[in-house]
Amino acid sequence: MELGTYVDELQRQLAAAASAGGDEVRETAERLTTALDAAARLMLLEALGAAVSEISTELTPGSVDLRLRGREPEFVVTPAPQWSESEAPSTSPQTAPAASIAVDGEEGATTRTTLRLPDELKARVDAAAAAAGVSVNAWLVRAVASTLDTTTNRPPAKETHGTRVTGWVR
């Protein structure tokens, strides 16, 4: 996808709006268009990233990833695997149905989180996501949702060690 076309159009529209003002306004607009290139590209990438996230949610267990090639974004679509009834997956984290991954609050709302994994664990996550035919992000979201679904149904543990209390809290 060529972002330059959209950035150029935005700069053209800024220049057109500035042409209604005086010479000082036009000069200011010309200086702003230079800085606008990087900011506009970043905002377009943010919007595309949000769209990819929403689309991936709807395509579960398929996914769409956004990758950068130089300065230009590229979409990578991973279709959902086609399964016969005899090999249909269970609802393990890598194949949990989308309905079990409901998000509280606004539908489709997401938060970016940095997760640091040991190399060995990251390799295992990559392999599990590839085996499930989904992106690593989609696999991790499902794993977290599945774990939360499982743990919230557990009765609270009441285990004490000295003055500390450990266990599940509701």
N, C-alpha and C. Protein backbone atom coordinates (compact mmCIF):
# COMPACT_ATOMS: atom_id res chain seq x y z
N MET A 1 0.85 -1.17 0.00
CA MET A 1 0.00 0.00 0.00
C MET A 1 0.90 1.23 0.00
N GLU A 2 0.62 2.16 -0.84
CA GLU A 2 1.42 3.37 -1.01
C GLU A 2 0.81 4.50 -0.16
N LEU A 3 1.49 4.84 0.95
CA LEU A 3 1.00 5.92 1.82
C LEU A 3 1.27 7.30 1.23
N GLY A 4 2.27 7.38 0.36
CA GLY A 4 2.64 8.67 -0.22
C GLY A 4 1.48 9.37 -0.89
N THR A 5 0.62 8.63 -1.55
CA THR A 5 -0.55 9.20 -2.22
C THR A 5 -1.43 9.95 -1.23
N TYR A 6 -1.67 9.33 -0.06
CA TYR A 6 -2.55 9.92 0.95
C TYR A 6 -1.88 11.11 1.63
N VAL A 7 -0.59 11.01 1.88
CA VAL A 7 0.15 12.11 2.49
C VAL A 7 0.20 13.29 1.53
N ASP A 8 0.45 13.04 0.25
CA ASP A 8 0.48 14.11 -0.74
C ASP A 8 -0.87 14.82 -0.83
N GLU A 9 -1.94 14.06 -0.79
CA GLU A 9 -3.29 14.66 -0.85
C GLU A 9 -3.56 15.52 0.37
N LEU A 10 -3.13 15.06 1.54
CA LEU A 10 -3.29 15.84 2.77
C LEU A 10 -2.51 17.15 2.67
N GLN A 11 -1.29 17.09 2.15
CA GLN A 11 -0.48 18.30 1.97
C GLN A 11 -1.11 19.24 0.95
N ARG A 12 -1.68 18.67 -0.12
CA ARG A 12 -2.35 19.50 -1.13
C ARG A 12 -3.55 20.21 -0.54
N GLN A 13 -4.30 19.52 0.30
CA GLN A 13 -5.47 20.13 0.92
C GLN A 13 -5.08 21.22 1.92
N LEU A 14 -3.97 21.02 2.63
CA LEU A 14 -3.47 22.05 3.54
C LEU A 14 -3.08 23.29 2.74
N ALA A 15 -2.39 23.10 1.63
CA ALA A 15 -1.99 24.23 0.79
C ALA A 15 -3.21 24.95 0.23
N ALA A 16 -4.24 24.19 -0.16
CA ALA A 16 -5.46 24.81 -0.70
C ALA A 16 -6.17 25.63 0.37
N ALA A 17 -6.21 25.10 1.60
CA ALA A 17 -6.84 25.85 2.69
C ALA A 17 -6.04 27.11 3.01
N ALA A 18 -4.73 27.02 2.95
CA ALA A 18 -3.87 28.17 3.25
C ALA A 18 -3.95 29.24 2.17
N SER A 19 -4.29 28.85 0.96
CA SER A 19 -4.33 29.82 -0.14
C SER A 19 -5.42 30.87 0.09
N ALA A 20 -6.38 30.57 0.95
CA ALA A 20 -7.42 31.55 1.26
C ALA A 20 -6.89 32.66 2.16
N GLY A 21 -5.76 32.40 2.85
CA GLY A 21 -5.16 33.40 3.74
C GLY A 21 -4.15 34.25 3.01
N GLY A 22 -3.45 35.04 3.76
CA GLY A 22 -2.44 35.92 3.18
C GLY A 22 -1.13 35.18 2.94
N ASP A 23 -0.11 35.97 2.56
CA ASP A 23 1.21 35.40 2.26
C ASP A 23 1.81 34.71 3.48
N GLU A 24 1.61 35.29 4.66
CA GLU A 24 2.17 34.71 5.88
C GLU A 24 1.55 33.34 6.16
N VAL A 25 0.25 33.20 5.94
CA VAL A 25 -0.43 31.92 6.15
C VAL A 25 0.08 30.88 5.16
N ARG A 26 0.25 31.28 3.90
CA ARG A 26 0.76 30.34 2.88
C ARG A 26 2.18 29.88 3.21
N GLU A 27 3.03 30.79 3.67
CA GLU A 27 4.40 30.43 4.03
C GLU A 27 4.41 29.46 5.22
N THR A 28 3.55 29.73 6.19
CA THR A 28 3.46 28.83 7.34
C THR A 28 2.99 27.45 6.91
N ALA A 29 2.01 27.40 6.03
CA ALA A 29 1.51 26.12 5.53
C ALA A 29 2.58 25.35 4.78
N GLU A 30 3.40 26.05 4.00
CA GLU A 30 4.49 25.40 3.28
C GLU A 30 5.50 24.78 4.24
N ARG A 31 5.81 25.49 5.34
CA ARG A 31 6.73 24.94 6.33
C ARG A 31 6.11 23.74 7.05
N LEU A 32 4.81 23.79 7.29
CA LEU A 32 4.14 22.69 7.98
C LEU A 32 4.06 21.43 7.13
N THR A 33 3.95 21.57 5.83
CA THR A 33 3.83 20.38 4.98
C THR A 33 5.05 19.48 5.06
N THR A 34 6.22 20.07 5.31
CA THR A 34 7.44 19.27 5.45
C THR A 34 7.34 18.39 6.70
N ALA A 35 6.93 18.98 7.80
CA ALA A 35 6.80 18.23 9.05
C ALA A 35 5.59 17.29 9.01
N LEU A 36 4.64 17.60 8.19
CA LEU A 36 3.42 16.82 8.12
C LEU A 36 3.64 15.42 7.55
N ASP A 37 4.65 15.23 6.73
CA ASP A 37 4.90 13.94 6.10
C ASP A 37 5.04 12.83 7.14
N ALA A 38 5.96 12.98 8.08
CA ALA A 38 6.20 11.93 9.08
C ALA A 38 4.99 11.75 10.00
N ALA A 39 4.38 12.84 10.42
CA ALA A 39 3.23 12.75 11.32
C ALA A 39 2.04 12.08 10.64
N ALA A 40 1.81 12.43 9.38
CA ALA A 40 0.68 11.83 8.65
C ALA A 40 0.91 10.35 8.44
N ARG A 41 2.13 9.95 8.09
CA ARG A 41 2.44 8.53 7.90
C ARG A 41 2.22 7.76 9.21
N LEU A 42 2.66 8.33 10.32
CA LEU A 42 2.49 7.67 11.61
C LEU A 42 1.01 7.51 11.95
N MET A 43 0.21 8.53 11.72
CA MET A 43 -1.22 8.44 12.02
C MET A 43 -1.92 7.45 11.09
N LEU A 44 -1.53 7.42 9.84
CA LEU A 44 -2.10 6.43 8.91
C LEU A 44 -1.75 5.01 9.36
N LEU A 45 -0.52 4.80 9.80
CA LEU A 45 -0.13 3.48 10.30
C LEU A 45 -0.91 3.10 11.54
N GLU A 46 -1.15 4.07 12.43
CA GLU A 46 -1.95 3.81 13.63
C GLU A 46 -3.37 3.39 13.23
N ALA A 47 -3.95 4.11 12.28
CA ALA A 47 -5.31 3.79 11.83
C ALA A 47 -5.35 2.41 11.17
N LEU A 48 -4.36 2.11 10.34
CA LEU A 48 -4.30 0.80 9.69
C LEU A 48 -4.12 -0.31 10.73
N GLY A 49 -3.29 -0.06 11.75
CA GLY A 49 -3.09 -1.04 12.81
C GLY A 49 -4.37 -1.32 13.56
N ALA A 50 -5.15 -0.28 13.85
CA ALA A 50 -6.43 -0.46 14.53
C ALA A 50 -7.40 -1.24 13.64
N ALA A 51 -7.40 -0.94 12.34
CA ALA A 51 -8.28 -1.66 11.42
C ALA A 51 -7.89 -3.13 11.34
N VAL A 52 -6.59 -3.41 11.28
CA VAL A 52 -6.11 -4.79 11.22
C VAL A 52 -6.55 -5.55 12.47
N SER A 53 -6.47 -4.90 13.62
CA SER A 53 -6.89 -5.54 14.88
C SER A 53 -8.38 -5.90 14.84
N GLU A 54 -9.20 -4.97 14.39
CA GLU A 54 -10.64 -5.24 14.31
C GLU A 54 -10.95 -6.33 13.30
N ILE A 55 -10.29 -6.30 12.16
CA ILE A 55 -10.52 -7.31 11.13
C ILE A 55 -10.09 -8.69 11.64
N SER A 56 -8.94 -8.75 12.31
CA SER A 56 -8.45 -10.03 12.84
C SER A 56 -9.42 -10.61 13.86
N THR A 57 -10.03 -9.75 14.66
CA THR A 57 -11.02 -10.22 15.63
C THR A 57 -12.19 -10.89 14.92
N GLU A 58 -12.61 -10.31 13.81
CA GLU A 58 -13.73 -10.87 13.06
C GLU A 58 -13.34 -12.12 12.27
N LEU A 59 -12.07 -12.26 11.93
CA LEU A 59 -11.62 -13.40 11.13
C LEU A 59 -11.20 -14.61 11.96
N THR A 60 -11.28 -14.50 13.28
CA THR A 60 -10.81 -15.56 14.16
C THR A 60 -11.36 -16.90 13.72
N PRO A 61 -10.56 -17.92 13.53
CA PRO A 61 -9.15 -18.06 13.86
C PRO A 61 -8.22 -17.58 12.76
N GLY A 62 -8.70 -17.00 11.70
CA GLY A 62 -7.81 -16.38 10.72
C GLY A 62 -7.30 -15.07 11.26
N SER A 63 -6.41 -14.41 10.54
CA SER A 63 -5.89 -13.14 11.03
C SER A 63 -5.35 -12.30 9.88
N VAL A 64 -5.17 -11.02 10.18
CA VAL A 64 -4.54 -10.08 9.25
C VAL A 64 -3.42 -9.41 10.04
N ASP A 65 -2.23 -9.35 9.45
CA ASP A 65 -1.09 -8.68 10.08
C ASP A 65 -0.68 -7.51 9.21
N LEU A 66 -0.16 -6.48 9.85
CA LEU A 66 0.35 -5.31 9.15
C LEU A 66 1.86 -5.31 9.32
N ARG A 67 2.58 -5.32 8.21
CA ARG A 67 4.04 -5.32 8.23
C ARG A 67 4.56 -4.12 7.45
N LEU A 68 5.71 -3.64 7.85
CA LEU A 68 6.33 -2.53 7.12
C LEU A 68 7.44 -3.05 6.24
N ARG A 69 7.42 -2.63 4.99
CA ARG A 69 8.49 -2.90 4.04
C ARG A 69 9.07 -1.54 3.68
N GLY A 70 10.17 -1.20 4.31
CA GLY A 70 10.70 0.16 4.13
C GLY A 70 9.77 1.14 4.82
N ARG A 71 9.20 2.05 4.07
CA ARG A 71 8.26 3.04 4.63
C ARG A 71 6.82 2.70 4.32
N GLU A 72 6.59 1.60 3.65
CA GLU A 72 5.23 1.27 3.19
C GLU A 72 4.67 0.05 3.92
N PRO A 73 3.40 0.12 4.30
CA PRO A 73 2.76 -1.02 4.97
C PRO A 73 2.37 -2.11 3.98
N GLU A 74 2.30 -3.32 4.49
CA GLU A 74 1.90 -4.48 3.69
C GLU A 74 0.97 -5.32 4.55
N PHE A 75 -0.12 -5.75 3.99
CA PHE A 75 -1.07 -6.60 4.70
C PHE A 75 -0.77 -8.06 4.42
N VAL A 76 -0.78 -8.87 5.47
CA VAL A 76 -0.59 -10.31 5.33
C VAL A 76 -1.83 -10.99 5.92
N VAL A 77 -2.57 -11.67 5.07
CA VAL A 77 -3.80 -12.33 5.49
C VAL A 77 -3.53 -13.81 5.70
N THR A 78 -3.87 -14.30 6.88
CA THR A 78 -3.76 -15.72 7.19
C THR A 78 -5.18 -16.26 7.32
N PRO A 79 -5.64 -17.03 6.34
CA PRO A 79 -7.02 -17.53 6.42
C PRO A 79 -7.18 -18.56 7.53
N ALA A 80 -8.40 -18.71 7.97
CA ALA A 80 -8.71 -19.73 8.98
C ALA A 80 -8.48 -21.10 8.37
N PRO A 81 -7.92 -22.03 9.16
CA PRO A 81 -7.72 -23.38 8.62
C PRO A 81 -9.07 -24.04 8.34
N GLN A 82 -9.10 -24.84 7.30
CA GLN A 82 -10.31 -25.59 6.95
C GLN A 82 -10.19 -26.95 7.62
N TRP A 83 -11.14 -27.32 8.45
CA TRP A 83 -11.08 -28.55 9.23
C TRP A 83 -12.25 -29.44 8.87
N SER A 84 -11.98 -30.70 8.80
CA SER A 84 -13.09 -31.64 8.66
C SER A 84 -13.66 -31.87 10.06
N GLU A 85 -14.85 -32.43 10.16
CA GLU A 85 -15.46 -32.64 11.47
C GLU A 85 -14.62 -33.54 12.35
N SER A 86 -13.93 -34.51 11.76
CA SER A 86 -13.14 -35.44 12.56
C SER A 86 -11.89 -34.80 13.15
N GLU A 87 -11.41 -33.71 12.52
CA GLU A 87 -10.22 -33.07 13.05
C GLU A 87 -10.50 -31.69 13.61
N ALA A 88 -11.76 -31.39 13.93
CA ALA A 88 -12.11 -30.09 14.48
C ALA A 88 -11.37 -29.88 15.80
N PRO A 89 -10.87 -28.68 16.03
CA PRO A 89 -10.07 -28.42 17.22
C PRO A 89 -10.91 -28.32 18.48
N SER A 90 -10.25 -28.56 19.61
CA SER A 90 -10.90 -28.33 20.89
C SER A 90 -10.80 -26.85 21.19
N THR A 91 -11.31 -26.42 22.32
CA THR A 91 -11.25 -25.00 22.66
C THR A 91 -10.03 -24.72 23.54
N SER A 92 -8.87 -25.17 23.10
CA SER A 92 -7.62 -24.84 23.78
C SER A 92 -7.26 -23.40 23.43
N PRO A 93 -6.29 -22.77 24.12
CA PRO A 93 -5.99 -21.36 23.87
C PRO A 93 -5.74 -21.04 22.40
N GLN A 94 -5.04 -21.89 21.66
CA GLN A 94 -4.73 -21.55 20.28
C GLN A 94 -5.92 -21.67 19.35
N THR A 95 -7.00 -22.34 19.80
CA THR A 95 -8.15 -22.51 18.92
C THR A 95 -9.45 -22.10 19.59
N ALA A 96 -9.38 -21.27 20.61
CA ALA A 96 -10.59 -20.87 21.33
C ALA A 96 -11.50 -20.09 20.39
N PRO A 97 -12.81 -20.28 20.49
CA PRO A 97 -13.73 -19.53 19.63
C PRO A 97 -13.73 -18.06 20.00
N ALA A 98 -14.05 -17.23 19.04
CA ALA A 98 -14.02 -15.79 19.25
C ALA A 98 -14.96 -15.36 20.36
N ALA A 99 -16.09 -16.05 20.54
CA ALA A 99 -17.06 -15.66 21.55
C ALA A 99 -16.48 -15.71 22.95
N SER A 100 -15.50 -16.56 23.20
CA SER A 100 -14.92 -16.65 24.53
C SER A 100 -13.91 -15.54 24.80
N ILE A 101 -13.67 -14.70 23.81
CA ILE A 101 -12.70 -13.63 23.96
C ILE A 101 -13.42 -12.29 23.97
N ALA A 102 -14.50 -12.19 24.72
CA ALA A 102 -15.24 -10.95 24.80
C ALA A 102 -14.42 -9.92 25.55
N VAL A 103 -14.45 -8.69 25.10
CA VAL A 103 -13.71 -7.61 25.71
C VAL A 103 -14.69 -6.73 26.46
N ASP A 104 -14.40 -6.46 27.74
CA ASP A 104 -15.26 -5.56 28.49
C ASP A 104 -15.14 -4.16 27.91
N GLY A 105 -16.18 -3.39 28.00
CA GLY A 105 -16.14 -2.02 27.48
C GLY A 105 -16.52 -2.01 26.01
N GLU A 106 -15.93 -1.09 25.27
CA GLU A 106 -16.26 -0.94 23.86
C GLU A 106 -15.85 -2.17 23.07
N GLU A 107 -16.71 -2.54 22.13
CA GLU A 107 -16.38 -3.68 21.28
C GLU A 107 -15.21 -3.31 20.39
N GLY A 108 -14.22 -4.18 20.34
CA GLY A 108 -13.07 -3.94 19.49
C GLY A 108 -12.01 -3.05 20.13
N ALA A 109 -12.24 -2.57 21.36
CA ALA A 109 -11.24 -1.73 22.02
C ALA A 109 -10.02 -2.58 22.36
N THR A 110 -8.85 -2.05 22.11
CA THR A 110 -7.62 -2.79 22.41
C THR A 110 -6.63 -1.88 23.12
N THR A 111 -5.69 -2.50 23.77
CA THR A 111 -4.60 -1.80 24.43
C THR A 111 -3.30 -2.44 24.00
N ARG A 112 -2.33 -1.64 23.68
CA ARG A 112 -1.02 -2.16 23.30
C ARG A 112 -0.24 -2.46 24.57
N THR A 113 0.31 -3.66 24.67
CA THR A 113 1.08 -4.09 25.83
C THR A 113 2.39 -4.71 25.35
N THR A 114 3.47 -4.33 26.00
CA THR A 114 4.76 -4.93 25.67
C THR A 114 4.93 -6.14 26.57
N LEU A 115 5.25 -7.27 25.96
CA LEU A 115 5.44 -8.52 26.69
C LEU A 115 6.83 -9.04 26.39
N ARG A 116 7.62 -9.24 27.43
CA ARG A 116 8.97 -9.76 27.25
C ARG A 116 8.95 -11.24 27.59
N LEU A 117 9.31 -12.07 26.63
CA LEU A 117 9.32 -13.52 26.82
C LEU A 117 10.75 -14.05 26.69
N PRO A 118 11.09 -15.04 27.48
CA PRO A 118 12.38 -15.70 27.25
C PRO A 118 12.38 -16.30 25.84
N ASP A 119 13.56 -16.37 25.23
CA ASP A 119 13.67 -16.85 23.85
C ASP A 119 13.03 -18.23 23.66
N GLU A 120 13.26 -19.13 24.61
CA GLU A 120 12.71 -20.48 24.49
C GLU A 120 11.18 -20.46 24.48
N LEU A 121 10.60 -19.65 25.38
CA LEU A 121 9.14 -19.56 25.44
C LEU A 121 8.59 -18.89 24.18
N LYS A 122 9.27 -17.86 23.68
CA LYS A 122 8.83 -17.18 22.46
C LYS A 122 8.81 -18.15 21.29
N ALA A 123 9.83 -19.01 21.20
CA ALA A 123 9.87 -20.01 20.13
C ALA A 123 8.69 -20.96 20.24
N ARG A 124 8.33 -21.34 21.46
CA ARG A 124 7.19 -22.25 21.65
C ARG A 124 5.88 -21.56 21.28
N VAL A 125 5.76 -20.27 21.63
CA VAL A 125 4.56 -19.50 21.27
C VAL A 125 4.47 -19.38 19.76
N ASP A 126 5.59 -19.06 19.11
CA ASP A 126 5.60 -18.97 17.64
C ASP A 126 5.13 -20.28 17.00
N ALA A 127 5.64 -21.40 17.52
CA ALA A 127 5.28 -22.70 16.97
C ALA A 127 3.80 -23.00 17.19
N ALA A 128 3.29 -22.68 18.37
CA ALA A 128 1.88 -22.93 18.66
C ALA A 128 0.97 -22.06 17.79
N ALA A 129 1.35 -20.81 17.60
CA ALA A 129 0.56 -19.91 16.75
C ALA A 129 0.57 -20.39 15.30
N ALA A 130 1.74 -20.81 14.83
CA ALA A 130 1.83 -21.32 13.46
C ALA A 130 1.01 -22.58 13.29
N ALA A 131 1.05 -23.46 14.29
CA ALA A 131 0.27 -24.70 14.21
C ALA A 131 -1.23 -24.41 14.20
N ALA A 132 -1.63 -23.34 14.91
CA ALA A 132 -3.04 -22.97 14.95
C ALA A 132 -3.44 -22.13 13.73
N GLY A 133 -2.45 -21.69 12.97
CA GLY A 133 -2.74 -20.90 11.77
C GLY A 133 -3.16 -19.47 12.09
N VAL A 134 -2.65 -18.91 13.21
CA VAL A 134 -3.00 -17.55 13.60
C VAL A 134 -1.72 -16.77 13.90
N SER A 135 -1.86 -15.47 14.03
CA SER A 135 -0.71 -14.64 14.39
C SER A 135 -0.36 -14.89 15.85
N VAL A 136 0.86 -14.53 16.22
CA VAL A 136 1.29 -14.68 17.61
C VAL A 136 0.39 -13.84 18.51
N ASN A 137 0.06 -12.63 18.08
CA ASN A 137 -0.82 -11.77 18.88
C ASN A 137 -2.17 -12.44 19.11
N ALA A 138 -2.78 -12.97 18.06
CA ALA A 138 -4.08 -13.62 18.20
C ALA A 138 -3.98 -14.83 19.13
N TRP A 139 -2.90 -15.58 19.02
CA TRP A 139 -2.72 -16.76 19.87
C TRP A 139 -2.59 -16.34 21.33
N LEU A 140 -1.80 -15.28 21.59
CA LEU A 140 -1.62 -14.80 22.96
C LEU A 140 -2.93 -14.28 23.54
N VAL A 141 -3.71 -13.55 22.74
CA VAL A 141 -4.99 -13.05 23.22
C VAL A 141 -5.88 -14.21 23.61
N ARG A 142 -5.93 -15.24 22.79
CA ARG A 142 -6.75 -16.41 23.10
C ARG A 142 -6.25 -17.15 24.33
N ALA A 143 -4.93 -17.26 24.47
CA ALA A 143 -4.36 -17.95 25.62
C ALA A 143 -4.70 -17.22 26.92
N VAL A 144 -4.58 -15.89 26.90
CA VAL A 144 -4.91 -15.10 28.08
C VAL A 144 -6.40 -15.22 28.40
N ALA A 145 -7.25 -15.08 27.37
CA ALA A 145 -8.69 -15.17 27.59
C ALA A 145 -9.08 -16.55 28.11
N SER A 146 -8.49 -17.58 27.55
CA SER A 146 -8.80 -18.94 27.99
C SER A 146 -8.37 -19.15 29.43
N THR A 147 -7.19 -18.65 29.78
CA THR A 147 -6.70 -18.78 31.15
C THR A 147 -7.61 -18.03 32.11
N LEU A 148 -8.02 -16.84 31.74
CA LEU A 148 -8.91 -16.07 32.62
C LEU A 148 -10.26 -16.76 32.76
N ASP A 149 -10.78 -17.31 31.66
CA ASP A 149 -12.05 -18.03 31.73
C ASP A 149 -11.94 -19.22 32.67
N THR A 150 -10.81 -19.90 32.63
CA THR A 150 -10.59 -21.08 33.47
C THR A 150 -10.40 -20.69 34.92
N THR A 151 -9.59 -19.66 35.18
CA THR A 151 -9.26 -19.30 36.56
C THR A 151 -10.40 -18.61 37.27
N THR A 152 -11.27 -17.90 36.57
CA THR A 152 -12.36 -17.22 37.25
C THR A 152 -13.43 -18.19 37.73
N ASN A 153 -13.41 -19.42 37.23
CA ASN A 153 -14.38 -20.42 37.69
C ASN A 153 -13.85 -21.24 38.86
N ARG A 154 -12.61 -21.01 39.27
CA ARG A 154 -12.03 -21.75 40.38
C ARG A 154 -12.48 -21.14 41.70
N PRO A 155 -12.71 -21.98 42.71
CA PRO A 155 -13.02 -21.42 44.03
C PRO A 155 -11.76 -20.79 44.60
N PRO A 156 -11.89 -19.73 45.41
CA PRO A 156 -10.72 -19.08 45.95
C PRO A 156 -9.93 -20.02 46.85
N ALA A 157 -8.62 -20.02 46.68
CA ALA A 157 -7.76 -20.84 47.53
C ALA A 157 -7.48 -20.08 48.80
N LYS A 158 -7.46 -20.78 49.91
CA LYS A 158 -7.18 -20.13 51.20
C LYS A 158 -5.96 -20.82 51.79
N GLU A 159 -4.83 -20.25 51.50
CA GLU A 159 -3.58 -20.83 51.94
C GLU A 159 -2.81 -19.73 52.64
N THR A 160 -2.34 -19.98 53.84
CA THR A 160 -1.60 -18.95 54.57
C THR A 160 -0.19 -19.40 54.84
N HIS A 161 0.71 -18.43 54.84
CA HIS A 161 2.11 -18.66 55.16
C HIS A 161 2.53 -17.51 56.06
N GLY A 162 2.51 -17.73 57.37
CA GLY A 162 2.86 -16.65 58.30
C GLY A 162 1.79 -15.57 58.24
N THR A 163 2.21 -14.33 57.95
CA THR A 163 1.25 -13.23 57.90
C THR A 163 0.78 -12.95 56.49
N ARG A 164 1.24 -13.73 55.52
CA ARG A 164 0.85 -13.53 54.12
C ARG A 164 -0.32 -14.43 53.78
N VAL A 165 -1.18 -13.96 52.93
CA VAL A 165 -2.29 -14.75 52.40
C VAL A 165 -2.09 -14.84 50.91
N THR A 166 -2.16 -16.05 50.37
CA THR A 166 -2.02 -16.24 48.93
C THR A 166 -3.24 -16.95 48.42
N GLY A 167 -3.52 -16.80 47.15
CA GLY A 167 -4.64 -17.51 46.53
C GLY A 167 -5.34 -16.64 45.53
N TRP A 168 -6.48 -17.12 45.07
CA TRP A 168 -7.28 -16.42 44.06
C TRP A 168 -8.22 -15.46 44.74
N VAL A 169 -8.38 -14.28 44.18
CA VAL A 169 -9.27 -13.29 44.72
C VAL A 169 -10.35 -12.98 43.69
N ARG A 170 -11.55 -12.86 44.15
CA ARG A 170 -12.65 -12.49 43.25
C ARG A 170 -13.05 -11.07 43.48
